[in-house]
Amino acid sequence: MDILNHEFTQEIIRLTWRNPAFMAIAIALIWLIPQLIIRKRMSENYKKKKLEKQKDKISKLYPKTLK
């Protein structure tokens, strides 16, 4: 009744980890997912900094108090 016997686990390993297509997809996912997360965060930071620079330039053109 041992479902997860040694032969069965070896067959699962042979069908997945030793499969070139599966490994290509697994490596691509491991490579791309962190890259997409980092790119999203960097894009958000860039937009925030761009907006801050724009506000700073506008405030220099239109000062609140006259000297």
N, C-alpha and C. Protein backbone atom coordinates (compact mmCIF):
# COMPACT_ATOMS: atom_id res chain seq x y z
N MET A 1 0.81 -1.21 0.00
CA MET A 1 0.00 0.00 0.00
C MET A 1 0.85 1.27 0.00
N ASP A 2 2.12 1.10 -0.06
CA ASP A 2 3.00 2.28 -0.05
C ASP A 2 2.93 2.96 -1.42
N ILE A 3 2.18 4.05 -1.50
CA ILE A 3 1.97 4.75 -2.78
C ILE A 3 3.26 5.45 -3.22
N LEU A 4 3.96 6.07 -2.30
CA LEU A 4 5.17 6.82 -2.63
C LEU A 4 6.41 5.93 -2.47
N ASN A 5 6.41 4.83 -3.16
CA ASN A 5 7.58 3.95 -3.07
C ASN A 5 8.74 4.51 -3.90
N HIS A 6 9.84 3.90 -3.84
CA HIS A 6 11.05 4.38 -4.49
C HIS A 6 10.90 4.45 -6.02
N GLU A 7 10.28 3.48 -6.62
CA GLU A 7 10.10 3.47 -8.08
C GLU A 7 9.22 4.61 -8.55
N PHE A 8 8.16 4.85 -7.78
CA PHE A 8 7.24 5.94 -8.14
C PHE A 8 7.93 7.30 -8.05
N THR A 9 8.68 7.51 -6.98
CA THR A 9 9.38 8.79 -6.85
C THR A 9 10.44 8.96 -7.93
N GLN A 10 11.10 7.90 -8.30
CA GLN A 10 12.09 7.98 -9.39
C GLN A 10 11.41 8.31 -10.72
N GLU A 11 10.23 7.79 -10.93
CA GLU A 11 9.48 8.07 -12.16
C GLU A 11 9.05 9.55 -12.19
N ILE A 12 8.60 10.06 -11.07
CA ILE A 12 8.22 11.48 -10.99
C ILE A 12 9.44 12.36 -11.26
N ILE A 13 10.56 12.03 -10.67
CA ILE A 13 11.79 12.80 -10.91
C ILE A 13 12.19 12.74 -12.38
N ARG A 14 12.08 11.56 -12.97
CA ARG A 14 12.45 11.41 -14.38
C ARG A 14 11.53 12.24 -15.28
N LEU A 15 10.25 12.29 -14.95
CA LEU A 15 9.29 13.01 -15.78
C LEU A 15 9.36 14.53 -15.60
N THR A 16 9.84 14.99 -14.46
CA THR A 16 9.85 16.44 -14.22
C THR A 16 11.26 17.02 -14.28
N TRP A 17 12.07 16.72 -13.28
CA TRP A 17 13.37 17.38 -13.16
C TRP A 17 14.32 17.04 -14.30
N ARG A 18 14.21 15.88 -14.86
CA ARG A 18 15.11 15.51 -15.96
C ARG A 18 14.51 15.83 -17.32
N ASN A 19 13.37 16.48 -17.33
CA ASN A 19 12.71 16.87 -18.57
C ASN A 19 13.26 18.24 -19.00
N PRO A 20 13.86 18.33 -20.18
CA PRO A 20 14.47 19.60 -20.61
C PRO A 20 13.47 20.75 -20.72
N ALA A 21 12.27 20.47 -21.19
CA ALA A 21 11.27 21.53 -21.31
C ALA A 21 10.87 22.06 -19.94
N PHE A 22 10.65 21.18 -18.99
CA PHE A 22 10.29 21.59 -17.64
C PHE A 22 11.42 22.40 -17.01
N MET A 23 12.65 21.96 -17.19
CA MET A 23 13.78 22.68 -16.60
C MET A 23 13.95 24.05 -17.23
N ALA A 24 13.73 24.16 -18.53
CA ALA A 24 13.84 25.46 -19.20
C ALA A 24 12.81 26.43 -18.64
N ILE A 25 11.59 25.95 -18.45
CA ILE A 25 10.54 26.81 -17.90
C ILE A 25 10.84 27.17 -16.45
N ALA A 26 11.31 26.21 -15.67
CA ALA A 26 11.62 26.47 -14.26
C ALA A 26 12.75 27.49 -14.13
N ILE A 27 13.79 27.34 -14.92
CA ILE A 27 14.91 28.29 -14.87
C ILE A 27 14.47 29.67 -15.33
N ALA A 28 13.65 29.72 -16.37
CA ALA A 28 13.15 31.00 -16.87
C ALA A 28 12.31 31.70 -15.80
N LEU A 29 11.47 30.96 -15.10
CA LEU A 29 10.66 31.57 -14.05
C LEU A 29 11.51 32.06 -12.89
N ILE A 30 12.50 31.27 -12.50
CA ILE A 30 13.40 31.68 -11.42
C ILE A 30 14.17 32.93 -11.82
N TRP A 31 14.48 33.07 -13.09
CA TRP A 31 15.24 34.20 -13.59
C TRP A 31 14.35 35.43 -13.77
N LEU A 32 13.13 35.26 -14.27
CA LEU A 32 12.29 36.38 -14.66
C LEU A 32 11.46 36.99 -13.53
N ILE A 33 10.97 36.19 -12.62
CA ILE A 33 10.08 36.72 -11.58
C ILE A 33 10.77 37.79 -10.73
N PRO A 34 11.97 37.55 -10.20
CA PRO A 34 12.62 38.63 -9.44
C PRO A 34 12.93 39.85 -10.31
N GLN A 35 13.26 39.61 -11.56
CA GLN A 35 13.56 40.72 -12.47
C GLN A 35 12.33 41.60 -12.68
N LEU A 36 11.17 41.00 -12.82
CA LEU A 36 9.95 41.77 -13.00
C LEU A 36 9.59 42.55 -11.74
N ILE A 37 9.81 41.96 -10.58
CA ILE A 37 9.52 42.66 -9.33
C ILE A 37 10.45 43.86 -9.17
N ILE A 38 11.73 43.66 -9.42
CA ILE A 38 12.70 44.75 -9.30
C ILE A 38 12.39 45.86 -10.30
N ARG A 39 12.05 45.49 -11.53
CA ARG A 39 11.74 46.49 -12.55
C ARG A 39 10.53 47.31 -12.16
N LYS A 40 9.52 46.68 -11.57
CA LYS A 40 8.31 47.40 -11.15
C LYS A 40 8.64 48.40 -10.06
N ARG A 41 9.42 47.97 -9.07
CA ARG A 41 9.79 48.88 -7.98
C ARG A 41 10.64 50.04 -8.48
N MET A 42 11.57 49.76 -9.38
CA MET A 42 12.41 50.83 -9.91
C MET A 42 11.57 51.82 -10.72
N SER A 43 10.59 51.33 -11.45
CA SER A 43 9.72 52.19 -12.22
C SER A 43 8.89 53.09 -11.31
N GLU A 44 8.37 52.53 -10.22
CA GLU A 44 7.61 53.33 -9.26
C GLU A 44 8.50 54.41 -8.64
N ASN A 45 9.72 54.06 -8.26
CA ASN A 45 10.64 55.04 -7.67
C ASN A 45 10.99 56.13 -8.67
N TYR A 46 11.18 55.76 -9.93
CA TYR A 46 11.50 56.73 -10.97
C TYR A 46 10.35 57.73 -11.13
N LYS A 47 9.12 57.22 -11.14
CA LYS A 47 7.96 58.11 -11.30
C LYS A 47 7.83 59.06 -10.12
N LYS A 48 8.07 58.56 -8.89
CA LYS A 48 8.00 59.41 -7.70
C LYS A 48 9.06 60.52 -7.76
N LYS A 49 10.29 60.15 -8.11
CA LYS A 49 11.37 61.14 -8.18
C LYS A 49 11.11 62.15 -9.28
N LYS A 50 10.56 61.70 -10.39
CA LYS A 50 10.26 62.61 -11.49
C LYS A 50 9.19 63.62 -11.07
N LEU A 51 8.17 63.16 -10.36
CA LEU A 51 7.12 64.05 -9.88
C LEU A 51 7.67 65.04 -8.85
N GLU A 52 8.56 64.58 -7.96
CA GLU A 52 9.16 65.48 -6.99
C GLU A 52 10.01 66.56 -7.67
N LYS A 53 10.78 66.17 -8.68
CA LYS A 53 11.58 67.15 -9.41
C LYS A 53 10.70 68.16 -10.12
N GLN A 54 9.59 67.67 -10.68
CA GLN A 54 8.67 68.56 -11.38
C GLN A 54 8.06 69.56 -10.39
N LYS A 55 7.65 69.09 -9.21
CA LYS A 55 7.09 69.99 -8.20
C LYS A 55 8.13 71.00 -7.74
N ASP A 56 9.37 70.58 -7.60
CA ASP A 56 10.44 71.48 -7.18
C ASP A 56 10.67 72.57 -8.22
N LYS A 57 10.69 72.20 -9.47
CA LYS A 57 10.89 73.19 -10.54
C LYS A 57 9.73 74.18 -10.61
N ILE A 58 8.52 73.68 -10.43
CA ILE A 58 7.36 74.56 -10.45
C ILE A 58 7.40 75.51 -9.25
N SER A 59 7.79 75.02 -8.09
CA SER A 59 7.86 75.88 -6.91
C SER A 59 8.94 76.96 -7.06
N LYS A 60 9.98 76.67 -7.83
CA LYS A 60 11.01 77.69 -8.08
C LYS A 60 10.49 78.76 -9.03
N LEU A 61 9.65 78.38 -9.95
CA LEU A 61 9.08 79.37 -10.87
C LEU A 61 8.04 80.26 -10.22
N TYR A 62 7.27 79.70 -9.30
CA TYR A 62 6.21 80.44 -8.63
C TYR A 62 6.44 80.39 -7.12
N PRO A 63 7.32 81.23 -6.61
CA PRO A 63 7.59 81.22 -5.15
C PRO A 63 6.36 81.70 -4.37
N LYS A 64 6.23 81.21 -3.15
CA LYS A 64 5.07 81.56 -2.33
C LYS A 64 5.18 82.96 -1.74
N THR A 65 6.40 83.37 -1.41
CA THR A 65 6.58 84.70 -0.83
C THR A 65 7.50 85.52 -1.73
N LEU A 66 7.22 86.79 -1.81
CA LEU A 66 8.08 87.68 -2.59
C LEU A 66 9.09 88.33 -1.66
N LYS A 67 10.31 88.45 -2.14
CA LYS A 67 11.37 89.04 -1.31
C LYS A 67 11.47 90.49 -1.56
